[in-house]
Amino acid sequence: VEVHLETGRTHQIRVHFSALRHPCVGDLTYGADPALAA
């Protein structure tokens, strides 16, 4: 996905996509699947 930030909060993209249950691949802090990352 291409993302345009209107605001600039700490971890904004990571938090927002995690909240949608679509965390960034590899982002284990915010709920990503470790098997997929590996």
PDB file of all heavy atoms in Angstrom:
ATOM      1  N   VAL A   1       0.833  -1.197   0.000  1.00  0.00           N
ATOM      2  CA  VAL A   1       0.000   0.000   0.000  1.00  0.00           C
ATOM      3  C   VAL A   1       0.871   1.251   0.000  1.00  0.00           C
ATOM      4  O   VAL A   1       1.993   1.253   0.517  1.00  0.00           O
ATOM      5  CB  VAL A   1      -0.960   0.046   1.215  1.00  0.00           C
ATOM      6  CG1 VAL A   1      -1.983  -1.072   1.150  1.00  0.00           C
ATOM      7  CG2 VAL A   1      -0.188  -0.014   2.525  1.00  0.00           C
ATOM      8  N   GLU A   2       0.331   2.306  -0.624  1.00  0.00           N
ATOM      9  CA  GLU A   2       0.970   3.619  -0.554  1.00  0.00           C
ATOM     10  C   GLU A   2       0.234   4.425   0.509  1.00  0.00           C
ATOM     11  O   GLU A   2      -1.003   4.450   0.533  1.00  0.00           O
ATOM     12  CB  GLU A   2       0.913   4.335  -1.898  1.00  0.00           C
ATOM     13  CG  GLU A   2       1.581   5.706  -1.864  1.00  0.00           C
ATOM     14  CD  GLU A   2       1.860   6.265  -3.248  1.00  0.00           C
ATOM     15  OE1 GLU A   2       2.717   5.685  -3.965  1.00  0.00           O
ATOM     16  OE2 GLU A   2       1.215   7.258  -3.640  1.00  0.00           O
ATOM     17  N   VAL A   3       0.982   5.063   1.369  1.00  0.00           N
ATOM     18  CA  VAL A   3       0.409   5.757   2.511  1.00  0.00           C
ATOM     19  C   VAL A   3       0.810   7.225   2.497  1.00  0.00           C
ATOM     20  O   VAL A   3       1.992   7.552   2.340  1.00  0.00           O
ATOM     21  CB  VAL A   3       0.879   5.122   3.837  1.00  0.00           C
ATOM     22  CG1 VAL A   3       0.273   5.855   5.025  1.00  0.00           C
ATOM     23  CG2 VAL A   3       0.528   3.641   3.878  1.00  0.00           C
ATOM     24  N   HIS A   4      -0.168   8.109   2.653  1.00  0.00           N
ATOM     25  CA  HIS A   4       0.080   9.548   2.792  1.00  0.00           C
ATOM     26  C   HIS A   4      -0.303   9.941   4.216  1.00  0.00           C
ATOM     27  O   HIS A   4      -1.441   9.724   4.631  1.00  0.00           O
ATOM     28  CB  HIS A   4      -0.748  10.357   1.790  1.00  0.00           C
ATOM     29  CG  HIS A   4      -0.324  10.177   0.364  1.00  0.00           C
ATOM     30  ND1 HIS A   4       0.325  11.158  -0.350  1.00  0.00           N
ATOM     31  CD2 HIS A   4      -0.445   9.113  -0.469  1.00  0.00           C
ATOM     32  CE1 HIS A   4       0.580  10.712  -1.573  1.00  0.00           C
ATOM     33  NE2 HIS A   4       0.117   9.471  -1.668  1.00  0.00           N
ATOM     34  N   LEU A   5       0.646  10.509   4.931  1.00  0.00           N
ATOM     35  CA  LEU A   5       0.372  10.927   6.299  1.00  0.00           C
ATOM     36  C   LEU A   5      -0.123  12.363   6.340  1.00  0.00           C
ATOM     37  O   LEU A   5       0.531  13.266   5.831  1.00  0.00           O
ATOM     38  CB  LEU A   5       1.634  10.820   7.166  1.00  0.00           C
ATOM     39  CG  LEU A   5       2.079   9.420   7.571  1.00  0.00           C
ATOM     40  CD1 LEU A   5       3.271   9.511   8.509  1.00  0.00           C
ATOM     41  CD2 LEU A   5       0.950   8.656   8.227  1.00  0.00           C
ATOM     42  N   GLU A   6      -1.284  12.539   6.946  1.00  0.00           N
ATOM     43  CA  GLU A   6      -1.783  13.897   7.162  1.00  0.00           C
ATOM     44  C   GLU A   6      -1.239  14.445   8.478  1.00  0.00           C
ATOM     45  O   GLU A   6      -0.932  15.626   8.597  1.00  0.00           O
ATOM     46  CB  GLU A   6      -3.314  13.890   7.172  1.00  0.00           C
ATOM     47  CG  GLU A   6      -3.917  15.280   7.240  1.00  0.00           C
ATOM     48  CD  GLU A   6      -5.419  15.253   7.041  1.00  0.00           C
ATOM     49  OE1 GLU A   6      -5.902  14.514   6.153  1.00  0.00           O
ATOM     50  OE2 GLU A   6      -6.116  15.979   7.775  1.00  0.00           O
ATOM     51  N   THR A   7      -1.122  13.571   9.469  1.00  0.00           N
ATOM     52  CA  THR A   7      -0.502  13.930  10.743  1.00  0.00           C
ATOM     53  C   THR A   7       0.774  13.099  10.884  1.00  0.00           C
ATOM     54  O   THR A   7       1.044  12.223  10.066  1.00  0.00           O
ATOM     55  CB  THR A   7      -1.447  13.647  11.921  1.00  0.00           C
ATOM     56  OG1 THR A   7      -1.900  12.287  11.829  1.00  0.00           O
ATOM     57  CG2 THR A   7      -2.649  14.577  11.881  1.00  0.00           C
ATOM     58  N   GLY A   8       1.550  13.352  11.916  1.00  0.00           N
ATOM     59  CA  GLY A   8       2.824  12.661  12.069  1.00  0.00           C
ATOM     60  C   GLY A   8       3.045  12.145  13.472  1.00  0.00           C
ATOM     61  O   GLY A   8       4.034  12.490  14.119  1.00  0.00           O
ATOM     62  N   ARG A   9       2.144  11.297  13.962  1.00  0.00           N
ATOM     63  CA  ARG A   9       2.289  10.748  15.305  1.00  0.00           C
ATOM     64  C   ARG A   9       3.329   9.625  15.329  1.00  0.00           C
ATOM     65  O   ARG A   9       3.548   8.952  14.323  1.00  0.00           O
ATOM     66  CB  ARG A   9       0.949  10.202  15.818  1.00  0.00           C
ATOM     67  CG  ARG A   9      -0.211  11.155  15.702  1.00  0.00           C
ATOM     68  CD  ARG A   9       0.021  12.460  16.432  1.00  0.00           C
ATOM     69  NE  ARG A   9      -1.082  13.388  16.205  1.00  0.00           N
ATOM     70  CZ  ARG A   9      -0.992  14.697  16.318  1.00  0.00           C
ATOM     71  NH1 ARG A   9       0.173  15.246  16.658  1.00  0.00           N
ATOM     72  NH2 ARG A   9      -2.036  15.477  16.104  1.00  0.00           N
ATOM     73  N   THR A  10       3.916   9.413  16.490  1.00  0.00           N
ATOM     74  CA  THR A  10       4.869   8.326  16.651  1.00  0.00           C
ATOM     75  C   THR A  10       4.196   6.985  16.340  1.00  0.00           C
ATOM     76  O   THR A  10       3.116   6.698  16.851  1.00  0.00           O
ATOM     77  CB  THR A  10       5.418   8.304  18.092  1.00  0.00           C
ATOM     78  OG1 THR A  10       6.010   9.573  18.386  1.00  0.00           O
ATOM     79  CG2 THR A  10       6.456   7.207  18.265  1.00  0.00           C
ATOM     80  N   HIS A  11       4.847   6.204  15.458  1.00  0.00           N
ATOM     81  CA  HIS A  11       4.355   4.869  15.068  1.00  0.00           C
ATOM     82  C   HIS A  11       2.997   4.924  14.370  1.00  0.00           C
ATOM     83  O   HIS A  11       2.284   3.911  14.325  1.00  0.00           O
ATOM     84  CB  HIS A  11       4.249   3.936  16.282  1.00  0.00           C
ATOM     85  CG  HIS A  11       5.552   3.660  16.968  1.00  0.00           C
ATOM     86  ND1 HIS A  11       5.646   2.816  18.065  1.00  0.00           N
ATOM     87  CD2 HIS A  11       6.813   4.109  16.731  1.00  0.00           C
ATOM     88  CE1 HIS A  11       6.910   2.773  18.476  1.00  0.00           C
ATOM     89  NE2 HIS A  11       7.636   3.554  17.678  1.00  0.00           N
ATOM     90  N   GLN A  12       2.627   6.057  13.783  1.00  0.00           N
ATOM     91  CA  GLN A  12       1.260   6.228  13.286  1.00  0.00           C
ATOM     92  C   GLN A  12       0.832   5.141  12.301  1.00  0.00           C
ATOM     93  O   GLN A  12      -0.240   4.542  12.457  1.00  0.00           O
ATOM     94  CB  GLN A  12       1.100   7.606  12.636  1.00  0.00           C
ATOM     95  CG  GLN A  12      -0.308   7.841  12.063  1.00  0.00           C
ATOM     96  CD  GLN A  12      -0.520   9.263  11.597  1.00  0.00           C
ATOM     97  OE1 GLN A  12      -0.045  10.201  12.230  1.00  0.00           O
ATOM     98  NE2 GLN A  12      -1.221   9.432  10.484  1.00  0.00           N
ATOM     99  N   ILE A  13       1.624   4.904  11.270  1.00  0.00           N
ATOM    100  CA  ILE A  13       1.236   3.924  10.257  1.00  0.00           C
ATOM    101  C   ILE A  13       1.144   2.535  10.882  1.00  0.00           C
ATOM    102  O   ILE A  13       0.188   1.780  10.644  1.00  0.00           O
ATOM    103  CB  ILE A  13       2.245   3.921   9.087  1.00  0.00           C
ATOM    104  CG1 ILE A  13       2.207   5.274   8.355  1.00  0.00           C
ATOM    105  CG2 ILE A  13       1.959   2.774   8.120  1.00  0.00           C
ATOM    106  CD1 ILE A  13       3.302   5.445   7.313  1.00  0.00           C
ATOM    107  N   ARG A  14       2.110   2.206  11.706  1.00  0.00           N
ATOM    108  CA  ARG A  14       2.144   0.890  12.344  1.00  0.00           C
ATOM    109  C   ARG A  14       0.918   0.688  13.234  1.00  0.00           C
ATOM    110  O   ARG A  14       0.295  -0.382  13.224  1.00  0.00           O
ATOM    111  CB  ARG A  14       3.435   0.750  13.134  1.00  0.00           C
ATOM    112  CG  ARG A  14       4.686   0.902  12.285  1.00  0.00           C
ATOM    113  CD  ARG A  14       5.934   1.086  13.142  1.00  0.00           C
ATOM    114  NE  ARG A  14       6.199  -0.088  13.971  1.00  0.00           N
ATOM    115  CZ  ARG A  14       7.105  -0.106  14.938  1.00  0.00           C
ATOM    116  NH1 ARG A  14       7.810   0.986  15.209  1.00  0.00           N
ATOM    117  NH2 ARG A  14       7.285  -1.212  15.647  1.00  0.00           N
ATOM    118  N   VAL A  15       0.575   1.700  14.011  1.00  0.00           N
ATOM    119  CA  VAL A  15      -0.563   1.594  14.926  1.00  0.00           C
ATOM    120  C   VAL A  15      -1.875   1.520  14.157  1.00  0.00           C
ATOM    121  O   VAL A  15      -2.751   0.693  14.459  1.00  0.00           O
ATOM    122  CB  VAL A  15      -0.579   2.791  15.895  1.00  0.00           C
ATOM    123  CG1 VAL A  15      -1.867   2.835  16.694  1.00  0.00           C
ATOM    124  CG2 VAL A  15       0.615   2.712  16.851  1.00  0.00           C
ATOM    125  N   HIS A  16      -2.033   2.385  13.149  1.00  0.00           N
ATOM    126  CA  HIS A  16      -3.299   2.412  12.418  1.00  0.00           C
ATOM    127  C   HIS A  16      -3.560   1.099  11.679  1.00  0.00           C
ATOM    128  O   HIS A  16      -4.682   0.565  11.717  1.00  0.00           O
ATOM    129  CB  HIS A  16      -3.307   3.591  11.447  1.00  0.00           C
ATOM    130  CG  HIS A  16      -3.860   4.846  12.052  1.00  0.00           C
ATOM    131  ND1 HIS A  16      -3.797   6.073  11.437  1.00  0.00           N
ATOM    132  CD2 HIS A  16      -4.508   5.061  13.228  1.00  0.00           C
ATOM    133  CE1 HIS A  16      -4.373   6.979  12.208  1.00  0.00           C
ATOM    134  NE2 HIS A  16      -4.808   6.390  13.296  1.00  0.00           N
ATOM    135  N   PHE A  17      -2.550   0.553  11.015  1.00  0.00           N
ATOM    136  CA  PHE A  17      -2.790  -0.692  10.278  1.00  0.00           C
ATOM    137  C   PHE A  17      -2.930  -1.881  11.228  1.00  0.00           C
ATOM    138  O   PHE A  17      -3.675  -2.825  10.948  1.00  0.00           O
ATOM    139  CB  PHE A  17      -1.709  -0.923   9.223  1.00  0.00           C
ATOM    140  CG  PHE A  17      -1.968  -0.158   7.961  1.00  0.00           C
ATOM    141  CD1 PHE A  17      -1.391   1.079   7.742  1.00  0.00           C
ATOM    142  CD2 PHE A  17      -2.836  -0.655   7.003  1.00  0.00           C
ATOM    143  CE1 PHE A  17      -1.654   1.808   6.592  1.00  0.00           C
ATOM    144  CE2 PHE A  17      -3.109   0.046   5.845  1.00  0.00           C
ATOM    145  CZ  PHE A  17      -2.521   1.291   5.637  1.00  0.00           C
ATOM    146  N   SER A  18      -2.258  -1.823  12.362  1.00  0.00           N
ATOM    147  CA  SER A  18      -2.456  -2.858  13.375  1.00  0.00           C
ATOM    148  C   SER A  18      -3.891  -2.823  13.898  1.00  0.00           C
ATOM    149  O   SER A  18      -4.515  -3.872  14.125  1.00  0.00           O
ATOM    150  CB  SER A  18      -1.470  -2.665  14.524  1.00  0.00           C
ATOM    151  OG  SER A  18      -1.691  -3.597  15.553  1.00  0.00           O
ATOM    152  N   ALA A  19      -4.426  -1.614  14.085  1.00  0.00           N
ATOM    153  CA  ALA A  19      -5.800  -1.475  14.573  1.00  0.00           C
ATOM    154  C   ALA A  19      -6.808  -2.046  13.576  1.00  0.00           C
ATOM    155  O   ALA A  19      -7.889  -2.500  13.959  1.00  0.00           O
ATOM    156  CB  ALA A  19      -6.108  -0.005  14.849  1.00  0.00           C
ATOM    157  N   LEU A  20      -6.456  -2.027  12.279  1.00  0.00           N
ATOM    158  CA  LEU A  20      -7.319  -2.619  11.245  1.00  0.00           C
ATOM    159  C   LEU A  20      -7.107  -4.123  11.112  1.00  0.00           C
ATOM    160  O   LEU A  20      -7.726  -4.761  10.256  1.00  0.00           O
ATOM    161  CB  LEU A  20      -7.030  -1.966   9.884  1.00  0.00           C
ATOM    162  CG  LEU A  20      -7.396  -0.497   9.683  1.00  0.00           C
ATOM    163  CD1 LEU A  20      -7.131  -0.100   8.241  1.00  0.00           C
ATOM    164  CD2 LEU A  20      -8.849  -0.238  10.038  1.00  0.00           C
ATOM    165  N   ARG A  21      -6.199  -4.672  11.927  1.00  0.00           N
ATOM    166  CA  ARG A  21      -5.812  -6.083  11.867  1.00  0.00           C
ATOM    167  C   ARG A  21      -5.049  -6.406  10.590  1.00  0.00           C
ATOM    168  O   ARG A  21      -5.105  -7.518  10.058  1.00  0.00           O
ATOM    169  CB  ARG A  21      -7.017  -7.017  12.039  1.00  0.00           C
ATOM    170  CG  ARG A  21      -7.756  -6.790  13.356  1.00  0.00           C
ATOM    171  CD  ARG A  21      -8.848  -7.824  13.574  1.00  0.00           C
ATOM    172  NE  ARG A  21      -9.636  -7.553  14.765  1.00  0.00           N
ATOM    173  CZ  ARG A  21      -9.263  -7.867  16.004  1.00  0.00           C
ATOM    174  NH1 ARG A  21      -8.099  -8.456  16.206  1.00  0.00           N
ATOM    175  NH2 ARG A  21     -10.042  -7.588  17.044  1.00  0.00           N
ATOM    176  N   HIS A  22      -4.318  -5.416  10.096  1.00  0.00           N
ATOM    177  CA  HIS A  22      -3.428  -5.595   8.944  1.00  0.00           C
ATOM    178  C   HIS A  22      -2.063  -4.990   9.273  1.00  0.00           C
ATOM    179  O   HIS A  22      -1.623  -4.019   8.646  1.00  0.00           O
ATOM    180  CB  HIS A  22      -4.008  -4.926   7.692  1.00  0.00           C
ATOM    181  CG  HIS A  22      -5.309  -5.498   7.230  1.00  0.00           C
ATOM    182  ND1 HIS A  22      -5.413  -6.761   6.701  1.00  0.00           N
ATOM    183  CD2 HIS A  22      -6.572  -4.979   7.230  1.00  0.00           C
ATOM    184  CE1 HIS A  22      -6.682  -7.008   6.385  1.00  0.00           C
ATOM    185  NE2 HIS A  22      -7.401  -5.938   6.701  1.00  0.00           N
ATOM    186  N   PRO A  23      -1.368  -5.537  10.288  1.00  0.00           N
ATOM    187  CA  PRO A  23      -0.083  -4.947  10.673  1.00  0.00           C
ATOM    188  C   PRO A  23       0.949  -5.048   9.558  1.00  0.00           C
ATOM    189  O   PRO A  23       0.841  -5.898   8.662  1.00  0.00           O
ATOM    190  CB  PRO A  23       0.339  -5.791  11.877  1.00  0.00           C
ATOM    191  CG  PRO A  23      -0.348  -7.102  11.677  1.00  0.00           C
ATOM    192  CD  PRO A  23      -1.675  -6.752  11.056  1.00  0.00           C
ATOM    193  N   CYS A  24       1.946  -4.170   9.608  1.00  0.00           N
ATOM    194  CA  CYS A  24       3.043  -4.256   8.648  1.00  0.00           C
ATOM    195  C   CYS A  24       3.739  -5.600   8.793  1.00  0.00           C
ATOM    196  O   CYS A  24       3.979  -6.077   9.913  1.00  0.00           O
ATOM    197  CB  CYS A  24       4.070  -3.144   8.889  1.00  0.00           C
ATOM    198  SG  CYS A  24       3.449  -1.475   8.629  1.00  0.00           S
ATOM    199  N   VAL A  25       4.054  -6.224   7.668  1.00  0.00           N
ATOM    200  CA  VAL A  25       4.801  -7.481   7.696  1.00  0.00           C
ATOM    201  C   VAL A  25       6.091  -7.260   8.498  1.00  0.00           C
ATOM    202  O   VAL A  25       6.803  -6.275   8.296  1.00  0.00           O
ATOM    203  CB  VAL A  25       5.116  -7.951   6.271  1.00  0.00           C
ATOM    204  CG1 VAL A  25       6.087  -9.135   6.290  1.00  0.00           C
ATOM    205  CG2 VAL A  25       3.832  -8.329   5.529  1.00  0.00           C
ATOM    206  N   GLY A  26       6.379  -8.166   9.419  1.00  0.00           N
ATOM    207  CA  GLY A  26       7.596  -8.062  10.214  1.00  0.00           C
ATOM    208  C   GLY A  26       7.482  -7.231  11.473  1.00  0.00           C
ATOM    209  O   GLY A  26       8.401  -7.212  12.288  1.00  0.00           O
ATOM    210  N   ASP A  27       6.345  -6.550  11.668  1.00  0.00           N
ATOM    211  CA  ASP A  27       6.198  -5.663  12.825  1.00  0.00           C
ATOM    212  C   ASP A  27       5.649  -6.448  14.015  1.00  0.00           C
ATOM    213  O   ASP A  27       4.482  -6.331  14.386  1.00  0.00           O
ATOM    214  CB  ASP A  27       5.272  -4.492  12.477  1.00  0.00           C
ATOM    215  CG  ASP A  27       5.338  -3.375  13.500  1.00  0.00           C
ATOM    216  OD1 ASP A  27       6.087  -3.516  14.493  1.00  0.00           O
ATOM    217  OD2 ASP A  27       4.662  -2.350  13.311  1.00  0.00           O
ATOM    218  N   LEU A  28       6.529  -7.223  14.652  1.00  0.00           N
ATOM    219  CA  LEU A  28       6.102  -8.095  15.742  1.00  0.00           C
ATOM    220  C   LEU A  28       5.593  -7.293  16.936  1.00  0.00           C
ATOM    221  O   LEU A  28       4.747  -7.772  17.701  1.00  0.00           O
ATOM    222  CB  LEU A  28       7.256  -8.997  16.168  1.00  0.00           C
ATOM    223  CG  LEU A  28       7.914  -9.842  15.058  1.00  0.00           C
ATOM    224  CD1 LEU A  28       8.895 -10.830  15.663  1.00  0.00           C
ATOM    225  CD2 LEU A  28       6.871 -10.565  14.211  1.00  0.00           C
ATOM    226  N   THR A  29       6.080  -6.072  17.110  1.00  0.00           N
ATOM    227  CA  THR A  29       5.615  -5.227  18.218  1.00  0.00           C
ATOM    228  C   THR A  29       4.119  -4.965  18.118  1.00  0.00           C
ATOM    229  O   THR A  29       3.417  -4.877  19.120  1.00  0.00           O
ATOM    230  CB  THR A  29       6.368  -3.885  18.217  1.00  0.00           C
ATOM    231  OG1 THR A  29       7.760  -4.135  18.417  1.00  0.00           O
ATOM    232  CG2 THR A  29       5.862  -2.947  19.309  1.00  0.00           C
ATOM    233  N   TYR A  30       3.618  -4.848  16.895  1.00  0.00           N
ATOM    234  CA  TYR A  30       2.214  -4.510  16.697  1.00  0.00           C
ATOM    235  C   TYR A  30       1.414  -5.646  16.075  1.00  0.00           C
ATOM    236  O   TYR A  30       0.465  -5.410  15.341  1.00  0.00           O
ATOM    237  CB  TYR A  30       2.105  -3.229  15.865  1.00  0.00           C
ATOM    238  CG  TYR A  30       2.490  -1.996  16.669  1.00  0.00           C
ATOM    239  CD1 TYR A  30       3.714  -1.384  16.494  1.00  0.00           C
ATOM    240  CD2 TYR A  30       1.622  -1.467  17.621  1.00  0.00           C
ATOM    241  CE1 TYR A  30       4.075  -0.265  17.243  1.00  0.00           C
ATOM    242  CE2 TYR A  30       1.972  -0.365  18.383  1.00  0.00           C
ATOM    243  CZ  TYR A  30       3.196   0.236  18.180  1.00  0.00           C
ATOM    244  OH  TYR A  30       3.542   1.341  18.936  1.00  0.00           O
ATOM    245  N   GLY A  31       1.808  -6.872  16.393  1.00  0.00           N
ATOM    246  CA  GLY A  31       0.946  -8.003  16.084  1.00  0.00           C
ATOM    247  C   GLY A  31       1.177  -8.734  14.783  1.00  0.00           C
ATOM    248  O   GLY A  31       0.328  -9.532  14.368  1.00  0.00           O
ATOM    249  N   ALA A  32       2.309  -8.499  14.120  1.00  0.00           N
ATOM    250  CA  ALA A  32       2.575  -9.209  12.868  1.00  0.00           C
ATOM    251  C   ALA A  32       2.841 -10.687  13.134  1.00  0.00           C
ATOM    252  O   ALA A  32       3.258 -11.085  14.226  1.00  0.00           O
ATOM    253  CB  ALA A  32       3.768  -8.582  12.150  1.00  0.00           C
ATOM    254  N   ASP A  33       2.608 -11.510  12.112  1.00  0.00           N
ATOM    255  CA  ASP A  33       2.810 -12.951  12.186  1.00  0.00           C
ATOM    256  C   ASP A  33       4.303 -13.262  12.100  1.00  0.00           C
ATOM    257  O   ASP A  33       4.931 -13.008  11.072  1.00  0.00           O
ATOM    258  CB  ASP A  33       2.067 -13.614  11.034  1.00  0.00           C
ATOM    259  CG  ASP A  33       2.262 -15.123  10.983  1.00  0.00           C
ATOM    260  OD1 ASP A  33       2.912 -15.677  11.893  1.00  0.00           O
ATOM    261  OD2 ASP A  33       1.781 -15.739  10.018  1.00  0.00           O
ATOM    262  N   PRO A  34       4.903 -13.814  13.153  1.00  0.00           N
ATOM    263  CA  PRO A  34       6.346 -14.082  13.106  1.00  0.00           C
ATOM    264  C   PRO A  34       6.724 -15.124  12.061  1.00  0.00           C
ATOM    265  O   PRO A  34       7.834 -15.089  11.520  1.00  0.00           O
ATOM    266  CB  PRO A  34       6.659 -14.572  14.529  1.00  0.00           C
ATOM    267  CG  PRO A  34       5.355 -14.978  15.119  1.00  0.00           C
ATOM    268  CD  PRO A  34       4.316 -14.124  14.460  1.00  0.00           C
ATOM    269  N   ALA A  35       5.811 -16.051  11.767  1.00  0.00           N
ATOM    270  CA  ALA A  35       6.110 -17.074  10.761  1.00  0.00           C
ATOM    271  C   ALA A  35       6.224 -16.444   9.371  1.00  0.00           C
ATOM    272  O   ALA A  35       7.124 -16.779   8.597  1.00  0.00           O
ATOM    273  CB  ALA A  35       5.031 -18.153  10.772  1.00  0.00           C
ATOM    274  N   LEU A  36       5.329 -15.520   9.055  1.00  0.00           N
ATOM    275  CA  LEU A  36       5.386 -14.840   7.767  1.00  0.00           C
ATOM    276  C   LEU A  36       6.655 -13.994   7.675  1.00  0.00           C
ATOM    277  O   LEU A  36       7.330 -13.976   6.643  1.00  0.00           O
ATOM    278  CB  LEU A  36       4.147 -13.961   7.582  1.00  0.00           C
ATOM    279  CG  LEU A  36       4.106 -13.127   6.299  1.00  0.00           C
ATOM    280  CD1 LEU A  36       4.171 -14.020   5.065  1.00  0.00           C
ATOM    281  CD2 LEU A  36       2.847 -12.257   6.263  1.00  0.00           C
ATOM    282  N   ALA A  37       6.991 -13.304   8.753  1.00  0.00           N
ATOM    283  CA  ALA A  37       8.207 -12.488   8.762  1.00  0.00           C
ATOM    284  C   ALA A  37       9.440 -13.350   8.524  1.00  0.00           C
ATOM    285  O   ALA A  37      10.341 -12.982   7.755  1.00  0.00           O
ATOM    286  CB  ALA A  37       8.326 -11.743  10.089  1.00  0.00           C
ATOM    287  N   ALA A  38       9.478 -14.511   9.169  1.00  0.00           N
ATOM    288  CA  ALA A  38      10.635 -15.398   9.021  1.00  0.00           C
ATOM    289  C   ALA A  38      10.763 -15.909   7.596  1.00  0.00           C
ATOM    290  O   ALA A  38      11.868 -15.943   7.026  1.00  0.00           O
ATOM    291  CB  ALA A  38      10.515 -16.565  10.002  1.00  0.00           C
TER     292      ALA A  38
END
